[in-house]
PDB file of all heavy atoms in Angstrom:
ATOM      1  N   PHE A   1     -54.416-128.979 142.892  1.00  0.00           N
ATOM      2  CA  PHE A   1     -53.188-129.667 143.355  1.00  0.00           C
ATOM      3  C   PHE A   1     -53.097-131.059 142.773  1.00  0.00           C
ATOM      4  O   PHE A   1     -52.008-131.468 142.338  1.00  0.00           O
ATOM      5  CB  PHE A   1     -53.245-129.700 144.876  1.00  0.00           C
ATOM      6  CG  PHE A   1     -52.186-130.592 145.497  1.00  0.00           C
ATOM      7  CD1 PHE A   1     -50.828-130.168 145.654  1.00  0.00           C
ATOM      8  CD2 PHE A   1     -52.481-131.879 145.921  1.00  0.00           C
ATOM      9  CE1 PHE A   1     -49.892-130.948 146.194  1.00  0.00           C
ATOM     10  CE2 PHE A   1     -51.551-132.698 146.533  1.00  0.00           C
ATOM     11  CZ  PHE A   1     -50.208-132.237 146.622  1.00  0.00           C
ATOM     12  N   ALA A   2     -54.173-131.746 142.742  1.00  0.00           N
ATOM     13  CA  ALA A   2     -54.180-133.173 142.317  1.00  0.00           C
ATOM     14  C   ALA A   2     -53.703-133.383 140.915  1.00  0.00           C
ATOM     15  O   ALA A   2     -53.245-134.435 140.515  1.00  0.00           O
ATOM     16  CB  ALA A   2     -55.594-133.780 142.505  1.00  0.00           C
ATOM     17  N   PHE A   3     -53.709-132.340 140.093  1.00  0.00           N
ATOM     18  CA  PHE A   3     -53.367-132.466 138.667  1.00  0.00           C
ATOM     19  C   PHE A   3     -51.885-132.323 138.407  1.00  0.00           C
ATOM     20  O   PHE A   3     -51.430-132.623 137.296  1.00  0.00           O
ATOM     21  CB  PHE A   3     -54.134-131.494 137.847  1.00  0.00           C
ATOM     22  CG  PHE A   3     -55.610-131.698 137.824  1.00  0.00           C
ATOM     23  CD1 PHE A   3     -56.410-131.032 138.719  1.00  0.00           C
ATOM     24  CD2 PHE A   3     -56.178-132.612 136.851  1.00  0.00           C
ATOM     25  CE1 PHE A   3     -57.780-131.270 138.697  1.00  0.00           C
ATOM     26  CE2 PHE A   3     -57.537-132.814 136.892  1.00  0.00           C
ATOM     27  CZ  PHE A   3     -58.354-132.128 137.776  1.00  0.00           C
ATOM     28  N   TYR A   4     -51.123-131.883 139.413  1.00  0.00           N
ATOM     29  CA  TYR A   4     -49.785-131.550 139.162  1.00  0.00           C
ATOM     30  C   TYR A   4     -48.756-132.552 139.663  1.00  0.00           C
ATOM     31  O   TYR A   4     -48.942-133.238 140.698  1.00  0.00           O
ATOM     32  CB  TYR A   4     -49.452-130.205 139.858  1.00  0.00           C
ATOM     33  CG  TYR A   4     -50.288-129.067 139.328  1.00  0.00           C
ATOM     34  CD1 TYR A   4     -51.008-128.277 140.233  1.00  0.00           C
ATOM     35  CD2 TYR A   4     -50.356-128.726 137.996  1.00  0.00           C
ATOM     36  CE1 TYR A   4     -51.808-127.195 139.804  1.00  0.00           C
ATOM     37  CE2 TYR A   4     -51.137-127.668 137.526  1.00  0.00           C
ATOM     38  CZ  TYR A   4     -51.876-126.938 138.439  1.00  0.00           C
ATOM     39  OH  TYR A   4     -52.639-125.901 137.992  1.00  0.00           O
ATOM     40  N   THR A   5     -47.652-132.641 138.932  1.00  0.00           N
ATOM     41  CA  THR A   5     -46.480-133.382 139.419  1.00  0.00           C
ATOM     42  C   THR A   5     -45.764-132.547 140.472  1.00  0.00           C
ATOM     43  O   THR A   5     -45.451-131.405 140.142  1.00  0.00           O
ATOM     44  CB  THR A   5     -45.528-133.779 138.316  1.00  0.00           C
ATOM     45  OG1 THR A   5     -46.241-134.664 137.399  1.00  0.00           O
ATOM     46  CG2 THR A   5     -44.311-134.455 138.800  1.00  0.00           C
ATOM     47  N   MET A   6     -45.548-133.098 141.622  1.00  0.00           N
ATOM     48  CA  MET A   6     -44.883-132.391 142.724  1.00  0.00           C
ATOM     49  C   MET A   6     -43.538-132.980 143.027  1.00  0.00           C
ATOM     50  O   MET A   6     -43.282-134.168 142.824  1.00  0.00           O
ATOM     51  CB  MET A   6     -45.765-132.428 143.969  1.00  0.00           C
ATOM     52  CG  MET A   6     -47.096-131.737 143.846  1.00  0.00           C
ATOM     53  SD  MET A   6     -46.928-129.966 143.572  1.00  0.00           S
ATOM     54  CE  MET A   6     -46.146-129.441 145.113  1.00  0.00           C
ATOM     55  N   GLY A   7     -42.687-132.106 143.512  1.00  0.00           N
ATOM     56  CA  GLY A   7     -41.324-132.605 143.817  1.00  0.00           C
ATOM     57  C   GLY A   7     -40.802-132.012 145.139  1.00  0.00           C
ATOM     58  O   GLY A   7     -41.284-131.040 145.624  1.00  0.00           O
ATOM     59  N   TRP A   8     -39.894-132.754 145.711  1.00  0.00           N
ATOM     60  CA  TRP A   8     -39.057-132.283 146.824  1.00  0.00           C
ATOM     61  C   TRP A   8     -37.665-132.013 146.334  1.00  0.00           C
ATOM     62  O   TRP A   8     -37.046-132.798 145.578  1.00  0.00           O
ATOM     63  CB  TRP A   8     -39.028-133.338 147.984  1.00  0.00           C
ATOM     64  CG  TRP A   8     -40.241-133.309 148.820  1.00  0.00           C
ATOM     65  CD1 TRP A   8     -41.327-134.126 148.742  1.00  0.00           C
ATOM     66  CD2 TRP A   8     -40.533-132.420 149.927  1.00  0.00           C
ATOM     67  NE1 TRP A   8     -42.251-133.837 149.746  1.00  0.00           N
ATOM     68  CE2 TRP A   8     -41.755-132.785 150.484  1.00  0.00           C
ATOM     69  CE3 TRP A   8     -39.792-131.340 150.515  1.00  0.00           C
ATOM     70  CZ2 TRP A   8     -42.345-132.119 151.571  1.00  0.00           C
ATOM     71  CZ3 TRP A   8     -40.367-130.718 151.559  1.00  0.00           C
ATOM     72  CH2 TRP A   8     -41.600-131.091 152.086  1.00  0.00           C
ATOM     73  N   PHE A   9     -37.132-130.860 146.794  1.00  0.00           N
ATOM     74  CA  PHE A   9     -35.837-130.416 146.375  1.00  0.00           C
ATOM     75  C   PHE A   9     -34.985-130.178 147.626  1.00  0.00           C
ATOM     76  O   PHE A   9     -35.563-129.936 148.695  1.00  0.00           O
ATOM     77  CB  PHE A   9     -35.900-129.090 145.599  1.00  0.00           C
ATOM     78  CG  PHE A   9     -36.737-129.175 144.344  1.00  0.00           C
ATOM     79  CD1 PHE A   9     -38.152-129.168 144.452  1.00  0.00           C
ATOM     80  CD2 PHE A   9     -36.163-129.276 143.093  1.00  0.00           C
ATOM     81  CE1 PHE A   9     -38.904-129.207 143.321  1.00  0.00           C
ATOM     82  CE2 PHE A   9     -36.939-129.307 141.972  1.00  0.00           C
ATOM     83  CZ  PHE A   9     -38.348-129.265 142.051  1.00  0.00           C
ATOM     84  N   HIS A  10     -33.695-130.198 147.553  1.00  0.00           N
ATOM     85  CA  HIS A  10     -32.885-129.790 148.643  1.00  0.00           C
ATOM     86  C   HIS A  10     -31.768-128.855 148.117  1.00  0.00           C
ATOM     87  O   HIS A  10     -31.370-128.909 146.972  1.00  0.00           O
ATOM     88  CB  HIS A  10     -32.347-130.940 149.532  1.00  0.00           C
ATOM     89  CG  HIS A  10     -31.295-131.760 148.872  1.00  0.00           C
ATOM     90  ND1 HIS A  10     -30.873-132.989 149.361  1.00  0.00           N
ATOM     91  CD2 HIS A  10     -30.569-131.643 147.712  1.00  0.00           C
ATOM     92  CE1 HIS A  10     -30.008-133.574 148.661  1.00  0.00           C
ATOM     93  NE2 HIS A  10     -29.770-132.746 147.636  1.00  0.00           N
ATOM     94  N   GLN A  11     -31.335-127.985 149.045  1.00  0.00           N
ATOM     95  CA  GLN A  11     -30.250-127.081 148.752  1.00  0.00           C
ATOM     96  C   GLN A  11     -29.282-126.980 149.940  1.00  0.00           C
ATOM     97  O   GLN A  11     -29.678-126.494 151.018  1.00  0.00           O
ATOM     98  CB  GLN A  11     -30.793-125.669 148.416  1.00  0.00           C
ATOM     99  CG  GLN A  11     -29.702-124.720 147.926  1.00  0.00           C
ATOM    100  CD  GLN A  11     -30.286-123.450 147.349  1.00  0.00           C
ATOM    101  OE1 GLN A  11     -31.423-123.096 147.632  1.00  0.00           O
ATOM    102  NE2 GLN A  11     -29.532-122.725 146.557  1.00  0.00           N
ATOM    103  N   ALA A  12     -28.100-127.459 149.728  1.00  0.00           N
ATOM    104  CA  ALA A  12     -27.061-127.400 150.739  1.00  0.00           C
ATOM    105  C   ALA A  12     -26.325-126.091 150.643  1.00  0.00           C
ATOM    106  O   ALA A  12     -26.340-125.490 149.593  1.00  0.00           O
ATOM    107  CB  ALA A  12     -26.076-128.595 150.572  1.00  0.00           C
ATOM    108  N   PRO A  13     -25.696-125.671 151.699  1.00  0.00           N
ATOM    109  CA  PRO A  13     -24.958-124.383 151.687  1.00  0.00           C
ATOM    110  C   PRO A  13     -23.957-124.319 150.524  1.00  0.00           C
ATOM    111  O   PRO A  13     -23.135-125.297 150.373  1.00  0.00           O
ATOM    112  CB  PRO A  13     -24.275-124.358 153.059  1.00  0.00           C
ATOM    113  CG  PRO A  13     -25.105-125.188 153.928  1.00  0.00           C
ATOM    114  CD  PRO A  13     -25.660-126.280 153.065  1.00  0.00           C
ATOM    115  N   GLY A  14     -23.998-123.245 149.734  1.00  0.00           N
ATOM    116  CA  GLY A  14     -23.076-123.111 148.653  1.00  0.00           C
ATOM    117  C   GLY A  14     -23.346-123.959 147.436  1.00  0.00           C
ATOM    118  O   GLY A  14     -22.531-123.947 146.483  1.00  0.00           O
ATOM    119  N   LYS A  15     -24.423-124.643 147.438  1.00  0.00           N
ATOM    120  CA  LYS A  15     -24.773-125.532 146.287  1.00  0.00           C
ATOM    121  C   LYS A  15     -26.064-125.161 145.643  1.00  0.00           C
ATOM    122  O   LYS A  15     -26.890-124.436 146.273  1.00  0.00           O
ATOM    123  CB  LYS A  15     -24.786-126.971 146.719  1.00  0.00           C
ATOM    124  CG  LYS A  15     -23.413-127.507 147.212  1.00  0.00           C
ATOM    125  CD  LYS A  15     -23.489-128.994 147.430  1.00  0.00           C
ATOM    126  CE  LYS A  15     -22.108-129.521 147.838  1.00  0.00           C
ATOM    127  NZ  LYS A  15     -22.154-131.038 148.031  1.00  0.00           N
ATOM    128  N   GLN A  16     -26.318-125.643 144.454  1.00  0.00           N
ATOM    129  CA  GLN A  16     -27.535-125.315 143.776  1.00  0.00           C
ATOM    130  C   GLN A  16     -28.670-126.261 144.333  1.00  0.00           C
ATOM    131  O   GLN A  16     -28.434-127.333 144.848  1.00  0.00           O
ATOM    132  CB  GLN A  16     -27.377-125.622 142.286  1.00  0.00           C
ATOM    133  CG  GLN A  16     -26.526-124.562 141.557  1.00  0.00           C
ATOM    134  CD  GLN A  16     -26.631-124.727 140.072  1.00  0.00           C
ATOM    135  OE1 GLN A  16     -26.866-125.833 139.553  1.00  0.00           O
ATOM    136  NE2 GLN A  16     -26.426-123.633 139.369  1.00  0.00           N
ATOM    137  N   ARG A  17     -29.934-125.793 144.222  1.00  0.00           N
ATOM    138  CA  ARG A  17     -31.043-126.596 144.526  1.00  0.00           C
ATOM    139  C   ARG A  17     -31.178-127.735 143.599  1.00  0.00           C
ATOM    140  O   ARG A  17     -31.060-127.634 142.421  1.00  0.00           O
ATOM    141  CB  ARG A  17     -32.305-125.754 144.498  1.00  0.00           C
ATOM    142  CG  ARG A  17     -33.564-126.308 145.023  1.00  0.00           C
ATOM    143  CD  ARG A  17     -34.661-125.272 145.003  1.00  0.00           C
ATOM    144  NE  ARG A  17     -34.427-124.242 145.965  1.00  0.00           N
ATOM    145  CZ  ARG A  17     -34.890-122.998 145.845  1.00  0.00           C
ATOM    146  NH1 ARG A  17     -35.529-122.636 144.757  1.00  0.00           N
ATOM    147  NH2 ARG A  17     -34.676-122.027 146.777  1.00  0.00           N
ATOM    148  N   GLU A  18     -31.412-128.947 144.118  1.00  0.00           N
ATOM    149  CA  GLU A  18     -31.481-130.208 143.400  1.00  0.00           C
ATOM    150  C   GLU A  18     -32.815-130.931 143.661  1.00  0.00           C
ATOM    151  O   GLU A  18     -33.258-130.924 144.828  1.00  0.00           O
ATOM    152  CB  GLU A  18     -30.328-131.134 143.749  1.00  0.00           C
ATOM    153  CG  GLU A  18     -28.957-130.557 143.430  1.00  0.00           C
ATOM    154  CD  GLU A  18     -27.842-131.504 143.907  1.00  0.00           C
ATOM    155  OE1 GLU A  18     -28.063-132.294 144.799  1.00  0.00           O
ATOM    156  OE2 GLU A  18     -26.775-131.523 143.301  1.00  0.00           O
ATOM    157  N   LEU A  19     -33.282-131.607 142.653  1.00  0.00           N
ATOM    158  CA  LEU A  19     -34.458-132.421 142.807  1.00  0.00           C
ATOM    159  C   LEU A  19     -34.102-133.692 143.533  1.00  0.00           C
ATOM    160  O   LEU A  19     -33.130-134.388 143.188  1.00  0.00           O
ATOM    161  CB  LEU A  19     -35.060-132.788 141.470  1.00  0.00           C
ATOM    162  CG  LEU A  19     -36.247-133.675 141.456  1.00  0.00           C
ATOM    163  CD1 LEU A  19     -37.480-133.028 142.136  1.00  0.00           C
ATOM    164  CD2 LEU A  19     -36.606-134.130 140.053  1.00  0.00           C
ATOM    165  N   VAL A  20     -34.883-134.011 144.580  1.00  0.00           N
ATOM    166  CA  VAL A  20     -34.643-135.251 145.335  1.00  0.00           C
ATOM    167  C   VAL A  20     -35.641-136.344 144.985  1.00  0.00           C
ATOM    168  O   VAL A  20     -35.248-137.473 144.840  1.00  0.00           O
ATOM    169  CB  VAL A  20     -34.773-134.925 146.880  1.00  0.00           C
ATOM    170  CG1 VAL A  20     -34.789-136.184 147.742  1.00  0.00           C
ATOM    171  CG2 VAL A  20     -33.707-133.940 147.338  1.00  0.00           C
ATOM    172  N   ALA A  21     -36.896-135.964 144.838  1.00  0.00           N
ATOM    173  CA  ALA A  21     -37.892-136.942 144.498  1.00  0.00           C
ATOM    174  C   ALA A  21     -39.103-136.192 143.855  1.00  0.00           C
ATOM    175  O   ALA A  21     -39.323-135.025 144.142  1.00  0.00           O
ATOM    176  CB  ALA A  21     -38.377-137.716 145.754  1.00  0.00           C
ATOM    177  N   GLN A  22     -39.859-136.936 143.029  1.00  0.00           N
ATOM    178  CA  GLN A  22     -41.078-136.338 142.475  1.00  0.00           C
ATOM    179  C   GLN A  22     -42.177-137.399 142.447  1.00  0.00           C
ATOM    180  O   GLN A  22     -41.902-138.583 142.389  1.00  0.00           O
ATOM    181  CB  GLN A  22     -40.795-135.701 141.132  1.00  0.00           C
ATOM    182  CG  GLN A  22     -40.551-136.700 140.011  1.00  0.00           C
ATOM    183  CD  GLN A  22     -40.361-135.979 138.733  1.00  0.00           C
ATOM    184  OE1 GLN A  22     -39.541-135.068 138.590  1.00  0.00           O
ATOM    185  NE2 GLN A  22     -41.041-136.490 137.662  1.00  0.00           N
ATOM    186  N   ILE A  23     -43.373-136.899 142.387  1.00  0.00           N
ATOM    187  CA  ILE A  23     -44.560-137.779 142.262  1.00  0.00           C
ATOM    188  C   ILE A  23     -45.546-137.175 141.312  1.00  0.00           C
ATOM    189  O   ILE A  23     -45.900-135.976 141.416  1.00  0.00           O
ATOM    190  CB  ILE A  23     -45.138-138.023 143.705  1.00  0.00           C
ATOM    191  CG1 ILE A  23     -46.310-139.042 143.616  1.00  0.00           C
ATOM    192  CG2 ILE A  23     -45.591-136.737 144.393  1.00  0.00           C
ATOM    193  CD1 ILE A  23     -46.710-139.579 144.981  1.00  0.00           C
ATOM    194  N   THR A  24     -46.067-137.987 140.392  1.00  0.00           N
ATOM    195  CA  THR A  24     -47.000-137.460 139.404  1.00  0.00           C
ATOM    196  C   THR A  24     -48.398-137.451 139.982  1.00  0.00           C
ATOM    197  O   THR A  24     -48.675-137.960 141.066  1.00  0.00           O
ATOM    198  CB  THR A  24     -46.972-138.312 138.127  1.00  0.00           C
ATOM    199  OG1 THR A  24     -47.501-139.591 138.436  1.00  0.00           O
ATOM    200  CG2 THR A  24     -45.561-138.490 137.609  1.00  0.00           C
ATOM    201  N   SER A  25     -49.343-136.961 139.167  1.00  0.00           N
ATOM    202  CA  SER A  25     -50.740-136.954 139.567  1.00  0.00           C
ATOM    203  C   SER A  25     -51.266-138.345 139.754  1.00  0.00           C
ATOM    204  O   SER A  25     -52.214-138.519 140.550  1.00  0.00           O
ATOM    205  CB  SER A  25     -51.568-136.151 138.558  1.00  0.00           C
ATOM    206  OG  SER A  25     -51.442-136.784 137.277  1.00  0.00           O
ATOM    207  N   SER A  26     -50.682-139.342 139.133  1.00  0.00           N
ATOM    208  CA  SER A  26     -51.097-140.712 139.249  1.00  0.00           C
ATOM    209  C   SER A  26     -50.214-141.481 140.209  1.00  0.00           C
ATOM    210  O   SER A  26     -50.197-142.720 140.196  1.00  0.00           O
ATOM    211  CB  SER A  26     -51.221-141.415 137.906  1.00  0.00           C
ATOM    212  OG  SER A  26     -49.981-141.289 137.210  1.00  0.00           O
ATOM    213  N   SER A  27     -49.420-140.743 140.962  1.00  0.00           N
ATOM    214  CA  SER A  27     -48.531-141.311 141.987  1.00  0.00           C
ATOM    215  C   SER A  27     -47.357-142.157 141.504  1.00  0.00           C
ATOM    216  O   SER A  27     -46.884-143.028 142.200  1.00  0.00           O
ATOM    217  CB  SER A  27     -49.305-142.082 143.051  1.00  0.00           C
ATOM    218  OG  SER A  27     -50.184-141.186 143.752  1.00  0.00           O
ATOM    219  N   VAL A  28     -46.951-141.877 140.255  1.00  0.00           N
ATOM    220  CA  VAL A  28     -45.711-142.467 139.786  1.00  0.00           C
ATOM    221  C   VAL A  28     -44.578-141.678 140.371  1.00  0.00           C
ATOM    222  O   VAL A  28     -44.594-140.459 140.345  1.00  0.00           O
ATOM    223  CB  VAL A  28     -45.624-142.483 138.233  1.00  0.00           C
ATOM    224  CG1 VAL A  28     -44.284-142.938 137.754  1.00  0.00           C
ATOM    225  CG2 VAL A  28     -46.775-143.315 137.649  1.00  0.00           C
ATOM    226  N   THR A  29     -43.580-142.376 140.907  1.00  0.00           N
ATOM    227  CA  THR A  29     -42.535-141.692 141.613  1.00  0.00           C
ATOM    228  C   THR A  29     -41.155-141.812 140.972  1.00  0.00           C
ATOM    229  O   THR A  29     -40.919-142.750 140.169  1.00  0.00           O
ATOM    230  CB  THR A  29     -42.373-142.219 143.052  1.00  0.00           C
ATOM    231  OG1 THR A  29     -42.131-143.648 142.963  1.00  0.00           O
ATOM    232  CG2 THR A  29     -43.654-142.004 143.873  1.00  0.00           C
ATOM    233  N   PHE A  30     -40.297-140.838 141.266  1.00  0.00           N
ATOM    234  CA  PHE A  30     -38.913-140.816 140.764  1.00  0.00           C
ATOM    235  C   PHE A  30     -38.081-140.367 141.913  1.00  0.00           C
ATOM    236  O   PHE A  30     -38.444-139.462 142.665  1.00  0.00           O
ATOM    237  CB  PHE A  30     -38.770-139.896 139.580  1.00  0.00           C
ATOM    238  CG  PHE A  30     -37.328-139.508 139.326  1.00  0.00           C
ATOM    239  CD1 PHE A  30     -36.538-140.323 138.526  1.00  0.00           C
ATOM    240  CD2 PHE A  30     -36.814-138.318 139.854  1.00  0.00           C
ATOM    241  CE1 PHE A  30     -35.210-140.009 138.305  1.00  0.00           C
ATOM    242  CE2 PHE A  30     -35.472-138.033 139.622  1.00  0.00           C
ATOM    243  CZ  PHE A  30     -34.687-138.852 138.807  1.00  0.00           C
ATOM    244  N   TYR A  31     -36.856-140.975 142.021  1.00  0.00           N
ATOM    245  CA  TYR A  31     -35.931-140.577 143.109  1.00  0.00           C
ATOM    246  C   TYR A  31     -34.523-140.328 142.530  1.00  0.00           C
ATOM    247  O   TYR A  31     -34.082-141.071 141.635  1.00  0.00           O
ATOM    248  CB  TYR A  31     -35.859-141.655 144.149  1.00  0.00           C
ATOM    249  CG  TYR A  31     -37.151-141.902 144.883  1.00  0.00           C
ATOM    250  CD1 TYR A  31     -38.030-142.896 144.418  1.00  0.00           C
ATOM    251  CD2 TYR A  31     -37.532-141.108 145.921  1.00  0.00           C
ATOM    252  CE1 TYR A  31     -39.238-143.131 145.053  1.00  0.00           C
ATOM    253  CE2 TYR A  31     -38.773-141.336 146.551  1.00  0.00           C
ATOM    254  CZ  TYR A  31     -39.601-142.385 146.112  1.00  0.00           C
ATOM    255  OH  TYR A  31     -40.804-142.565 146.704  1.00  0.00           O
ATOM    256  N   ALA A  32     -33.868-139.356 143.061  1.00  0.00           N
ATOM    257  CA  ALA A  32     -32.437-139.206 142.781  1.00  0.00           C
ATOM    258  C   ALA A  32     -31.686-140.394 143.294  1.00  0.00           C
ATOM    259  O   ALA A  32     -32.077-140.973 144.314  1.00  0.00           O
ATOM    260  CB  ALA A  32     -31.926-137.914 143.441  1.00  0.00           C
ATOM    261  N   ASP A  33     -30.601-140.733 142.661  1.00  0.00           N
ATOM    262  CA  ASP A  33     -29.798-141.943 143.042  1.00  0.00           C
ATOM    263  C   ASP A  33     -29.370-141.845 144.528  1.00  0.00           C
ATOM    264  O   ASP A  33     -29.253-142.790 145.200  1.00  0.00           O
ATOM    265  CB  ASP A  33     -28.613-142.099 142.090  1.00  0.00           C
ATOM    266  CG  ASP A  33     -29.020-142.571 140.775  1.00  0.00           C
ATOM    267  OD1 ASP A  33     -30.144-143.116 140.604  1.00  0.00           O
ATOM    268  OD2 ASP A  33     -28.180-142.517 139.842  1.00  0.00           O
ATOM    269  N   SER A  34     -29.088-140.626 144.922  1.00  0.00           N
ATOM    270  CA  SER A  34     -28.519-140.455 146.278  1.00  0.00           C
ATOM    271  C   SER A  34     -29.537-140.779 147.386  1.00  0.00           C
ATOM    272  O   SER A  34     -29.069-140.995 148.515  1.00  0.00           O
ATOM    273  CB  SER A  34     -28.052-138.972 146.463  1.00  0.00           C
ATOM    274  OG  SER A  34     -29.146-138.076 146.264  1.00  0.00           O
ATOM    275  N   VAL A  35     -30.790-140.787 147.090  1.00  0.00           N
ATOM    276  CA  VAL A  35     -31.784-141.081 148.131  1.00  0.00           C
ATOM    277  C   VAL A  35     -32.600-142.321 147.847  1.00  0.00           C
ATOM    278  O   VAL A  35     -33.420-142.724 148.701  1.00  0.00           O
ATOM    279  CB  VAL A  35     -32.738-139.875 148.362  1.00  0.00           C
ATOM    280  CG1 VAL A  35     -31.944-138.598 148.547  1.00  0.00           C
ATOM    281  CG2 VAL A  35     -33.714-139.719 147.117  1.00  0.00           C
ATOM    282  N   LYS A  36     -32.384-142.951 146.731  1.00  0.00           N
ATOM    283  CA  LYS A  36     -33.191-144.140 146.320  1.00  0.00           C
ATOM    284  C   LYS A  36     -33.063-145.234 147.379  1.00  0.00           C
ATOM    285  O   LYS A  36     -31.963-145.542 147.852  1.00  0.00           O
ATOM    286  CB  LYS A  36     -32.684-144.627 144.955  1.00  0.00           C
ATOM    287  CG  LYS A  36     -33.710-145.487 144.209  1.00  0.00           C
ATOM    288  CD  LYS A  36     -33.201-145.690 142.793  1.00  0.00           C
ATOM    289  CE  LYS A  36     -33.135-144.482 141.978  1.00  0.00           C
ATOM    290  NZ  LYS A  36     -32.732-144.712 140.578  1.00  0.00           N
ATOM    291  N   GLY A  37     -34.162-145.770 147.839  1.00  0.00           N
ATOM    292  CA  GLY A  37     -34.181-146.798 148.842  1.00  0.00           C
ATOM    293  C   GLY A  37     -34.252-146.254 150.230  1.00  0.00           C
ATOM    294  O   GLY A  37     -34.477-147.055 151.153  1.00  0.00           O
ATOM    295  N   ARG A  38     -34.012-144.994 150.408  1.00  0.00           N
ATOM    296  CA  ARG A  38     -34.062-144.379 151.741  1.00  0.00           C
ATOM    297  C   ARG A  38     -35.197-143.368 151.946  1.00  0.00           C
ATOM    298  O   ARG A  38     -35.774-143.260 153.010  1.00  0.00           O
ATOM    299  CB  ARG A  38     -32.746-143.656 152.037  1.00  0.00           C
ATOM    300  CG  ARG A  38     -31.526-144.507 151.980  1.00  0.00           C
ATOM    301  CD  ARG A  38     -30.261-143.766 152.424  1.00  0.00           C
ATOM    302  NE  ARG A  38     -29.965-142.600 151.611  1.00  0.00           N
ATOM    303  CZ  ARG A  38     -29.906-141.359 152.069  1.00  0.00           C
ATOM    304  NH1 ARG A  38     -30.107-141.113 153.317  1.00  0.00           N
ATOM    305  NH2 ARG A  38     -29.555-140.386 151.244  1.00  0.00           N
TER     306      ARG A  38
END
C-alpha cells in the first residue's frame, strides 16, 4: 500500500466519477479546485 498513489473520488447521481484528491507515496497531495482549502 505504501508504494502507491491513492485517491478519493466522488460520484453524484447521473454524473461521472471524479477525482477529488490524491496523495503520493511521499505524501505529496493534489486537490480538485472544488474542494481546495476545505
